[in-house]
Protein backbone atom coordinates (compact mmCIF):
# COMPACT_ATOMS: atom_id res chain seq x y z
CA MET A 1 16.97 -48.73 24.07
CA ALA A 2 17.15 -44.69 23.20
CA LYS A 3 20.60 -44.57 20.76
CA LEU A 4 19.56 -47.98 19.04
CA ALA A 5 16.31 -45.88 18.06
CA ARG A 6 18.45 -42.96 17.04
CA ALA A 7 20.56 -45.27 15.14
CA LEU A 8 17.87 -47.14 13.24
CA ILE A 9 16.62 -43.20 11.99
CA GLY A 10 19.94 -42.46 11.29
CA LEU A 11 20.40 -45.69 9.11
CA GLY A 12 16.92 -45.20 7.49
CA LEU A 13 17.59 -41.84 6.38
CA ALA A 14 20.84 -42.84 4.96
CA LEU A 15 19.46 -45.05 2.54
CA SER A 16 16.75 -42.98 1.78
CA LEU A 17 19.35 -40.06 0.78
CA ALA A 18 21.15 -42.87 -0.89
CA ALA A 19 18.09 -44.16 -2.80
CA CYS A 20 17.70 -40.70 -4.14
CA GLN A 21 20.77 -40.31 -5.59
CA ALA A 22 21.38 -43.71 -7.19
CA LEU A 23 17.86 -42.68 -8.72
CA GLY A 24 19.75 -39.44 -9.96
CA ALA A 25 16.93 -37.50 -8.02
CA THR A 26 17.78 -35.01 -5.10
CA PRO A 27 15.66 -34.48 -1.85
CA PRO A 28 12.87 -31.28 -2.47
CA ALA A 29 14.74 -27.98 -1.51
CA GLU A 30 13.21 -26.02 0.87
CA PRO A 31 11.67 -23.11 -0.31
CA VAL A 32 13.58 -19.57 -0.01
CA THR A 33 11.77 -16.92 2.05
CA LEU A 34 11.81 -12.90 1.32
CA ARG A 35 11.29 -10.58 3.58
CA PHE A 36 8.99 -7.84 2.05
CA THR A 37 7.90 -4.75 3.91
CA TYR A 38 5.85 -2.04 3.16
CA TRP A 39 3.37 0.83 4.49
CA GLY A 40 0.01 1.83 3.24
CA SER A 41 -3.53 1.83 4.63
CA PRO A 42 -6.13 -0.97 5.26
CA VAL A 43 -7.01 -1.03 1.91
CA GLU A 44 -3.58 -1.01 0.24
CA LYS A 45 -2.48 -3.85 3.14
CA GLU A 46 -5.31 -5.72 1.88
CA ALA A 47 -3.87 -5.54 -2.06
CA ILE A 48 -0.73 -6.42 -1.10
CA GLU A 49 -1.62 -9.41 0.60
CA ARG A 50 -3.81 -10.50 -2.31
CA MET A 51 -0.67 -9.45 -4.48
CA VAL A 52 1.77 -12.00 -1.96
CA ARG A 53 -0.50 -14.64 -2.25
CA ALA A 54 -0.84 -14.53 -5.85
CA PHE A 55 3.07 -14.38 -6.02
CA GLU A 56 3.12 -17.33 -3.79
CA ALA A 57 1.03 -19.49 -5.87
CA ALA A 58 3.26 -18.68 -9.30
CA ASN A 59 6.11 -19.30 -7.70
CA PRO A 60 5.76 -22.30 -5.42
CA ASP A 61 9.64 -22.16 -4.55
CA ILE A 62 9.18 -19.02 -2.72
CA ARG A 63 7.65 -17.81 0.25
CA VAL A 64 6.89 -13.83 1.21
CA ASP A 65 7.02 -12.63 4.82
CA ALA A 66 4.96 -9.37 4.25
CA ARG A 67 5.63 -7.17 7.38
CA HIS A 68 3.24 -4.00 6.98
CA TYR A 69 4.70 -0.68 9.35
CA PRO A 70 2.06 2.21 9.93
CA ASN A 71 4.12 4.96 7.80
CA ALA A 72 5.13 6.73 11.00
CA GLU A 73 7.33 4.32 12.11
CA TYR A 74 8.24 2.34 9.04
CA LEU A 75 12.15 3.96 9.09
CA ALA A 76 12.49 3.22 12.22
CA GLN A 77 11.40 -0.69 12.14
CA VAL A 78 13.85 -0.87 8.68
CA SER A 79 16.64 1.12 9.93
CA ALA A 80 16.87 -1.80 13.08
CA MET A 81 16.29 -4.34 11.15
CA LEU A 82 19.91 -2.96 9.09
CA ALA A 83 21.31 -2.16 12.41
CA SER A 84 21.05 -5.66 13.58
CA GLY A 85 22.23 -7.05 10.35
CA ASP A 86 18.89 -9.23 9.35
CA PRO A 87 17.84 -6.75 6.45
CA PRO A 88 14.73 -7.08 4.50
CA ASP A 89 14.85 -8.73 1.12
CA VAL A 90 12.47 -5.73 -0.96
CA GLY A 91 10.19 -3.24 0.48
CA TYR A 92 9.36 0.13 0.23
CA LEU A 93 11.24 3.08 1.06
CA PHE A 94 10.96 7.06 1.65
CA GLU A 95 12.21 9.40 -1.29
CA THR A 96 14.47 11.16 1.14
CA HIS A 97 16.25 8.25 1.99
CA ALA A 98 16.52 6.43 -1.35
CA ALA A 99 19.55 7.99 -2.88
CA GLU A 100 21.39 8.08 0.44
CA TRP A 101 20.91 4.66 1.53
CA ALA A 102 22.43 3.43 -2.21
CA SER A 103 25.24 5.43 -2.20
CA GLN A 104 25.99 4.11 1.21
CA GLY A 105 25.45 0.54 -0.04
CA LYS A 106 22.94 -0.59 1.82
CA VAL A 107 20.30 -0.98 -1.05
CA LEU A 108 21.33 -2.51 -4.38
CA ASP A 109 22.48 -0.93 -7.61
CA LEU A 110 19.83 -2.29 -10.14
CA THR A 111 21.66 -0.33 -13.17
CA ASP A 112 22.78 -3.61 -15.40
CA VAL A 113 19.42 -5.18 -14.49
CA PHE A 114 17.17 -2.17 -15.81
CA HIS A 115 19.44 -1.84 -19.22
CA SER A 116 19.12 -5.89 -19.58
CA ASP A 117 15.67 -6.56 -18.51
CA PRO A 118 13.33 -5.25 -21.60
CA ASP A 119 10.42 -5.10 -19.34
CA LEU A 120 12.16 -2.71 -16.45
CA ALA A 121 13.91 -1.09 -19.06
CA ALA A 122 10.10 0.28 -20.49
CA ARG A 123 9.50 1.76 -17.35
CA LEU A 124 8.86 5.77 -17.44
CA PRO A 125 11.96 7.33 -17.44
CA GLU A 126 10.21 10.17 -15.53
CA THR A 127 10.08 7.59 -12.54
CA TYR A 128 13.47 6.23 -11.86
CA TYR A 129 15.69 7.24 -8.94
CA TYR A 130 19.60 7.60 -9.53
CA PHE A 131 22.02 7.59 -6.60
CA ALA A 132 25.14 8.40 -8.78
CA PRO A 133 25.55 9.33 -12.64
CA GLY A 134 24.24 6.68 -15.02
CA ARG A 135 23.20 4.43 -11.61
CA THR A 136 19.84 3.79 -10.80
CA LEU A 137 18.26 1.96 -7.59
CA GLY A 138 15.00 1.38 -9.63
CA THR A 139 11.95 3.06 -9.72
CA SER A 140 9.25 4.56 -8.24
CA THR A 141 6.97 2.04 -7.03
CA ALA A 142 4.00 3.33 -9.00
CA SER A 143 3.88 6.74 -10.78
CA GLU A 144 1.59 9.65 -9.05
CA ILE A 145 0.14 12.91 -10.40
CA VAL A 146 -1.68 15.67 -9.07
CA LEU A 147 -5.27 15.86 -10.22
CA LEU A 148 -8.31 18.44 -10.13
CA PHE A 149 -11.45 16.46 -8.50
CA TYR A 150 -14.95 17.74 -8.28
CA ASN A 151 -18.33 16.79 -7.44
CA ARG A 152 -20.82 16.49 -11.00
CA ALA A 153 -23.99 17.32 -8.74
CA VAL A 154 -22.71 20.96 -7.80
CA PHE A 155 -21.90 21.63 -11.11
CA ASP A 156 -24.82 20.41 -12.42
CA ARG A 157 -26.51 22.65 -9.69
CA ALA A 158 -25.08 25.64 -10.46
CA GLY A 159 -25.61 25.40 -14.24
CA LEU A 160 -21.81 25.50 -14.95
CA PRO A 161 -20.14 22.74 -17.62
CA TYR A 162 -17.54 20.33 -15.99
CA PRO A 163 -13.75 21.26 -15.34
CA PRO A 164 -11.75 20.42 -19.10
CA ALA A 165 -10.17 16.96 -18.73
CA ARG A 166 -7.49 17.97 -21.54
CA ALA A 167 -4.75 19.94 -21.07
CA GLU A 168 -5.07 21.20 -24.05
CA GLU A 169 -8.12 22.81 -23.23
CA ALA A 170 -7.10 23.79 -19.12
CA TRP A 171 -8.40 26.63 -17.84
CA THR A 172 -6.56 29.94 -17.17
CA TRP A 173 -6.41 30.72 -13.55
CA ASP A 174 -8.70 33.10 -14.01
CA GLU A 175 -11.19 31.25 -15.74
CA PHE A 176 -10.40 28.56 -12.50
CA VAL A 177 -11.35 31.78 -9.88
CA ALA A 178 -14.31 32.92 -11.99
CA VAL A 179 -15.79 29.08 -11.92
CA ALA A 180 -14.98 28.54 -8.04
CA ARG A 181 -17.15 32.37 -7.22
CA GLN A 182 -19.72 30.88 -8.99
CA LEU A 183 -19.88 27.48 -6.74
CA THR A 184 -19.22 28.89 -3.72
CA VAL A 185 -22.19 29.57 -1.84
CA ASP A 186 -23.12 31.43 1.78
CA VAL A 187 -26.13 30.28 3.50
CA ASN A 188 -28.28 32.99 2.24
CA GLY A 189 -27.52 31.79 -1.51
CA ARG A 190 -24.45 34.70 -2.07
CA HIS A 191 -21.29 34.67 -3.80
CA PRO A 192 -18.02 35.80 -2.83
CA GLY A 193 -18.11 39.96 -4.17
CA GLU A 194 -21.52 39.89 -3.97
CA PRO A 195 -23.30 42.48 -1.73
CA GLY A 196 -24.19 40.39 1.96
CA PHE A 197 -21.81 37.68 1.27
CA ASP A 198 -20.94 36.36 4.54
CA PRO A 199 -17.69 34.47 4.38
CA ASP A 200 -18.49 32.91 7.93
CA GLN A 201 -21.22 31.12 6.77
CA VAL A 202 -20.07 29.48 3.14
CA GLN A 203 -22.92 26.44 2.78
CA THR A 204 -20.41 25.26 -0.48
CA TYR A 205 -16.89 26.11 -1.36
CA GLY A 206 -15.73 26.44 -4.74
CA VAL A 207 -12.27 24.71 -4.09
CA SER A 208 -9.64 23.36 -1.80
CA PHE A 209 -5.75 22.11 -2.39
CA ASP A 210 -3.51 20.23 -0.62
CA LYS A 211 -1.75 23.10 0.85
CA ASP A 212 -0.05 20.73 3.89
CA PHE A 213 2.31 18.90 1.12
CA TRP A 214 4.30 20.40 -1.24
CA TYR A 215 2.31 18.45 -4.30
CA GLY A 216 -0.70 20.61 -3.57
CA TYR A 217 1.33 24.00 -4.81
CA PHE A 218 4.36 22.97 -6.84
CA PRO A 219 2.23 22.14 -9.80
CA PHE A 220 1.21 25.82 -10.32
CA ILE A 221 4.80 27.23 -9.79
CA TYR A 222 5.96 25.08 -12.79
CA SER A 223 2.83 26.20 -14.65
CA ASN A 224 3.81 30.20 -13.93
CA GLY A 225 7.34 29.52 -15.83
CA GLY A 226 8.77 29.02 -12.44
CA ALA A 227 11.06 26.71 -10.88
CA VAL A 228 11.51 25.60 -7.33
CA VAL A 229 15.25 24.47 -7.45
CA ASP A 230 17.68 25.37 -10.30
CA GLU A 231 19.46 22.76 -12.51
CA ALA A 232 22.51 21.89 -10.23
CA GLY A 233 20.43 21.47 -7.29
CA ARG A 234 22.51 24.23 -5.39
CA GLN A 235 19.92 26.91 -5.27
CA LEU A 236 16.57 27.13 -4.34
CA LEU A 237 14.55 29.22 -6.79
CA LEU A 238 10.93 30.32 -5.19
CA ASP A 239 11.60 33.50 -4.71
CA SER A 240 11.51 34.10 -8.34
CA PRO A 241 8.99 36.31 -9.41
CA ALA A 242 6.90 33.47 -10.96
CA ALA A 243 7.23 31.08 -8.16
CA VAL A 244 6.15 34.40 -5.80
CA GLU A 245 3.03 35.15 -7.96
CA ALA A 246 1.72 31.39 -7.93
CA VAL A 247 1.91 31.21 -4.16
CA GLN A 248 0.49 34.42 -4.00
CA ARG A 249 -2.77 33.52 -6.34
CA LEU A 250 -3.21 30.26 -4.22
CA ALA A 251 -3.30 32.47 -0.91
CA ASP A 252 -5.62 34.48 -2.52
CA LEU A 253 -7.85 31.74 -3.11
CA MET A 254 -8.84 31.48 0.84
CA TRP A 255 -7.85 35.32 1.37
CA VAL A 256 -9.02 37.50 -1.33
CA ASP A 257 -11.20 35.56 -3.38
CA GLY A 258 -13.09 33.78 -0.80
CA VAL A 259 -13.57 30.52 -2.62
CA MET A 260 -11.23 28.08 -0.12
CA PRO A 261 -11.34 28.07 3.66
CA THR A 262 -9.12 29.40 5.68
CA PRO A 263 -6.82 27.21 7.58
CA GLU A 264 -8.84 28.71 10.84
CA ARG A 265 -12.02 27.95 9.43
CA GLN A 266 -10.83 24.51 7.98
CA SER A 267 -9.81 23.58 11.34
CA HIS A 268 -13.92 23.51 12.19
CA LEU A 269 -14.86 21.54 9.11
CA PRO A 270 -14.38 18.28 7.65
CA ALA A 271 -11.77 16.55 6.07
CA SER A 272 -12.36 17.29 2.00
CA ASP A 273 -13.43 13.79 0.72
CA ALA A 274 -16.58 14.56 3.43
CA LEU A 275 -16.95 18.14 2.15
CA LEU A 276 -16.92 16.94 -1.69
CA GLN A 277 -19.23 13.79 -1.13
CA THR A 278 -21.94 16.17 0.64
CA GLY A 279 -21.50 18.87 -2.21
CA GLN A 280 -20.29 21.62 0.51
CA LEU A 281 -16.80 21.41 -1.81
CA ALA A 282 -17.01 21.42 -5.62
CA MET A 283 -13.53 21.10 -6.43
CA ASP A 284 -10.43 19.36 -4.51
CA ILE A 285 -7.18 19.52 -6.33
CA ARG A 286 -4.82 16.42 -5.19
CA GLY A 287 -3.03 13.43 -5.59
CA GLN A 288 -4.15 10.45 -8.28
CA TRP A 289 -4.24 8.14 -5.56
CA LYS A 290 -7.33 10.05 -4.10
CA LEU A 291 -9.25 7.99 -6.52
CA LEU A 292 -9.29 4.72 -4.20
CA ASP A 293 -11.02 6.98 -1.40
CA TYR A 294 -13.21 8.77 -3.56
CA ALA A 295 -14.46 5.51 -5.25
CA SER A 296 -15.55 4.18 -2.21
CA LEU A 297 -18.03 7.43 -1.27
CA GLN A 298 -21.66 6.22 -1.63
CA GLY A 299 -23.65 9.05 -3.40
CA LEU A 300 -20.18 11.09 -4.87
CA ASP A 301 -20.47 11.34 -8.21
CA LEU A 302 -17.19 11.96 -9.36
CA GLY A 303 -15.19 14.07 -11.95
CA VAL A 304 -11.71 14.36 -12.57
CA ALA A 305 -10.04 17.06 -14.48
CA VAL A 306 -6.64 18.55 -15.40
CA LEU A 307 -5.31 21.26 -13.10
CA PRO A 308 -5.86 24.68 -13.81
CA LYS A 309 -2.85 26.41 -15.26
CA PHE A 310 -0.80 30.25 -15.84
CA LYS A 311 1.15 29.39 -18.66
CA GLU A 312 1.35 26.31 -19.13
CA PRO A 313 -0.53 23.04 -18.54
CA ARG A 314 1.66 20.96 -15.58
CA THR A 315 1.68 18.85 -12.91
CA VAL A 316 3.95 16.66 -10.72
CA ILE A 317 5.04 13.09 -11.00
CA LEU A 318 6.31 11.63 -7.88
CA GLY A 319 6.25 8.32 -5.75
CA SER A 320 8.28 6.75 -3.27
CA PRO A 321 10.70 4.31 -5.11
CA THR A 322 10.67 0.08 -3.76
CA VAL A 323 14.15 -1.36 -3.36
CA ILE A 324 16.20 -4.51 -3.03
CA PHE A 325 18.09 -4.30 -0.22
CA ALA A 326 22.47 -5.17 -0.36
CA GLY A 327 21.29 -7.79 2.49
CA THR A 328 19.17 -10.11 -0.03
CA ARG A 329 18.71 -13.64 1.33
CA ASP A 330 18.65 -14.19 -2.52
CA ARG A 331 19.05 -12.08 -5.13
CA ALA A 332 17.01 -13.71 -7.92
CA ALA A 333 14.19 -14.32 -6.01
CA ALA A 334 14.37 -10.70 -4.57
CA LEU A 335 14.21 -9.74 -8.18
CA LYS A 336 11.44 -11.63 -9.17
CA PHE A 337 9.36 -10.85 -6.38
CA TYR A 338 10.66 -6.74 -7.21
CA LYS A 339 9.17 -6.99 -10.86
CA PHE A 340 5.76 -8.89 -10.04
CA HIS A 341 5.21 -6.76 -7.28
CA ASN A 342 3.91 -3.21 -8.84
CA ASP A 343 2.91 -5.67 -12.12
CA PRO A 344 -0.64 -4.08 -13.02
CA ARG A 345 -1.74 -7.41 -13.67
CA ALA A 346 -0.71 -8.83 -10.54
CA VAL A 347 -1.83 -6.33 -8.21
CA ASP A 348 -5.21 -4.39 -8.12
CA LEU A 349 -4.32 -0.96 -6.52
CA TYR A 350 -3.94 -0.02 -10.19
CA ALA A 351 -7.99 -0.61 -11.17
CA ARG A 352 -9.18 0.69 -8.23
CA GLY A 353 -7.32 3.91 -8.29
CA LEU A 354 -4.78 3.82 -5.65
CA TRP A 355 -1.87 3.76 -8.59
CA MET A 356 -0.53 4.25 -11.91
CA PRO A 357 1.25 2.37 -14.19
CA LEU A 358 4.99 2.71 -14.85
CA GLN A 359 5.27 0.87 -17.93
CA ARG A 360 5.08 3.29 -20.62
CA ASP A 361 2.71 0.83 -22.75
CA TYR A 362 -0.10 1.72 -19.92
CA TYR A 363 -0.27 4.79 -21.30
CA THR A 364 -0.56 4.35 -25.38
CA ASN A 365 -1.63 0.42 -25.82
CA PRO A 366 -5.05 0.60 -26.12
CA ASP A 367 -5.88 -2.47 -24.59
CA LEU A 368 -3.60 -1.90 -21.83
CA ILE A 369 -4.68 1.36 -20.91
CA ALA A 370 -8.59 -0.52 -21.15
CA ALA A 371 -6.74 -3.15 -18.20
CA TRP A 372 -6.69 -0.63 -15.82
CA LEU A 373 -9.31 2.31 -16.68
CA ASN A 374 -12.52 0.31 -17.25
CA ASN A 375 -13.55 -0.03 -14.10
CA PRO A 376 -15.78 2.02 -11.34
CA ALA A 377 -13.27 3.77 -9.59
CA HIS A 378 -12.03 6.03 -12.93
CA PRO A 379 -14.34 8.22 -14.50
CA ALA A 380 -14.51 8.32 -18.23
CA GLU A 381 -12.53 11.15 -18.43
CA ALA A 382 -9.69 9.89 -17.33
CA ARG A 383 -8.14 8.25 -20.41
CA THR A 384 -7.27 12.13 -21.23
CA ALA A 385 -6.86 13.38 -17.14
CA LEU A 386 -4.52 11.01 -16.73
CA VAL A 387 -2.97 8.95 -19.08
CA ASP A 388 -2.83 12.07 -21.75
CA TYR A 389 -1.92 14.09 -19.05
CA ALA A 390 0.81 12.14 -17.50
CA LEU A 391 2.60 11.85 -21.23
CA CYS A 392 2.45 15.25 -21.54
CA CYS A 393 2.79 17.51 -18.76
CA VAL A 394 4.67 16.16 -15.86
CA VAL A 395 7.41 18.01 -13.96
CA ARG A 396 9.36 15.12 -11.78
CA SER A 397 9.95 16.33 -8.31
CA PRO A 398 12.78 17.63 -7.35
CA HIS A 399 12.69 14.56 -4.55
CA TYR A 400 14.32 12.21 -7.16
CA ASP A 401 17.26 14.01 -8.24
CA VAL A 402 18.17 16.55 -5.53
CA LYS A 403 20.16 15.92 -2.39
CA ASN A 404 18.70 16.40 1.21
CA PHE A 405 15.50 18.10 -0.93
CA GLY A 406 13.53 15.85 1.91
CA ARG A 407 14.72 17.87 4.64
CA ILE A 408 14.45 21.08 2.63
CA THR A 409 10.70 20.20 2.21
CA THR A 410 9.65 19.54 5.43
CA GLU A 411 11.88 21.55 7.61
CA ILE A 412 12.07 25.24 5.69
CA ILE A 413 9.79 25.18 2.32
CA GLN A 414 6.54 24.10 4.21
CA PRO A 415 6.90 25.89 7.58
CA ALA A 416 7.45 29.02 5.45
CA LEU A 417 3.92 28.38 3.02
CA ASP A 418 2.07 27.29 6.83
CA ARG A 419 2.73 30.88 6.97
CA VAL A 420 0.94 32.39 3.80
CA TRP A 421 -1.70 29.95 4.30
CA ALA A 422 -2.52 31.08 7.69
CA GLY A 423 -2.34 34.74 6.43
CA GLN A 424 1.18 35.54 8.61
CA ALA A 425 3.21 36.48 6.23
CA ALA A 426 3.32 37.83 2.72
CA PRO A 427 4.59 35.45 0.13
CA ALA A 428 7.76 37.26 -1.31
CA ALA A 429 8.84 37.86 2.15
CA ALA A 430 8.39 34.02 3.13
CA LEU A 431 9.62 32.60 0.02
CA ALA A 432 12.95 34.95 0.35
CA GLU A 433 14.07 33.39 3.82
CA ALA A 434 12.88 30.21 2.97
CA VAL A 435 15.84 30.38 -0.27
CA GLN A 436 18.18 31.70 2.42
CA ALA A 437 17.69 29.06 4.80
CA ALA A 438 17.89 25.90 2.24
CA ALA A 439 21.15 27.31 1.32
CA PRO A 440 23.47 25.50 3.45
CA LEU A 441 21.53 22.17 3.15
CA LEU A 442 21.49 22.13 -1.23
CA ALA A 443 24.84 19.73 -2.22
CA GLY A 444 23.42 19.51 -5.88
CA ARG A 445 21.76 15.84 -7.70
CA TRP A 446 22.30 12.66 -7.19
CA ASP A 447 22.78 12.11 -11.10
CA ARG A 448 25.18 14.40 -11.90
């Protein structure tokens, strides 16, 4: 009886298929399934999930298996997928590994696609990742720059004008330090340099910068006319007078000017977000992506400005890439998702402040500029402090081009600077040691 039933079922399926063929129809195809891997905060995860749902609604023939991994676990998870022969289709990738993986054939070469697709070709050239001369694996997931954030209420209380939001009006370093001194107040109302000022009882600090990551101090080296690495990617230049002076002046904020907490004092304080929110910090030099966090803080009247300058106004542009993996199950579907996942029309992380657009039109077309800036996350001065600043004054992070630079930053540059910030080493000596230690790792550029 069971054999007869199976035979009848098989006959029915065959007849149905024959009927479809006779009518010129084909059985509905199974949707393509893409695997997308990414990292990010809970807020970013929610936004990515919304983006995936929107993509699937617009592309009913494609399903996306989106897998979120903590930043610290991400590389191990993706490496395991590749080793098992079951890689993701599309995914974030650390800038420290992207070019190397592309050169090994683990990541697709998208050069021809970027040349032939007008939308992709219109992305900012500063965001391209190359893995060989003239060959690109794609671009950053988003544009990112470093800015000066401030609490308007602290400036109002001190009766001081807000920091400039235009590059051509950027404070000189001396002007910046003078304002930071006026904003730094101890519990007795005294400022650094005044008789009786108590550095152990500071009520409000004038400024803080992200000294734990290279993007907190690289912009000032460039602003002072210096460079981090030579054009050939063969020599670290951090021992130049311009670089040493910039690092010295940054360290002076803590140890001479008294306007920023030392690492020891900072270890006993809340995070800079909380300090800025409560008025215990006037200015904070951070990545533009902090807008997402600052916009969620109750009671913070936030302003945004360009960085102070030494010789020329400068900031850095940075951002890890999204890639299409060589083992993708469906190249056409993967490319469609690749283009969608960082389209400002599809992802609200631009309007919420985490990301800046990749497409040049979003920096030049008034309607498109308004589409990502006219919202509560972006202060009014973002039009000049983000858009104009990104067009005039960015320097590409060496991570885009220089081989082994992620390792050099993590293993050599940052430990050297940590000793400077802690007051344990003079900048000239620490940076000279870093230059010597980095020499064996400098192996040229990916794009040359």
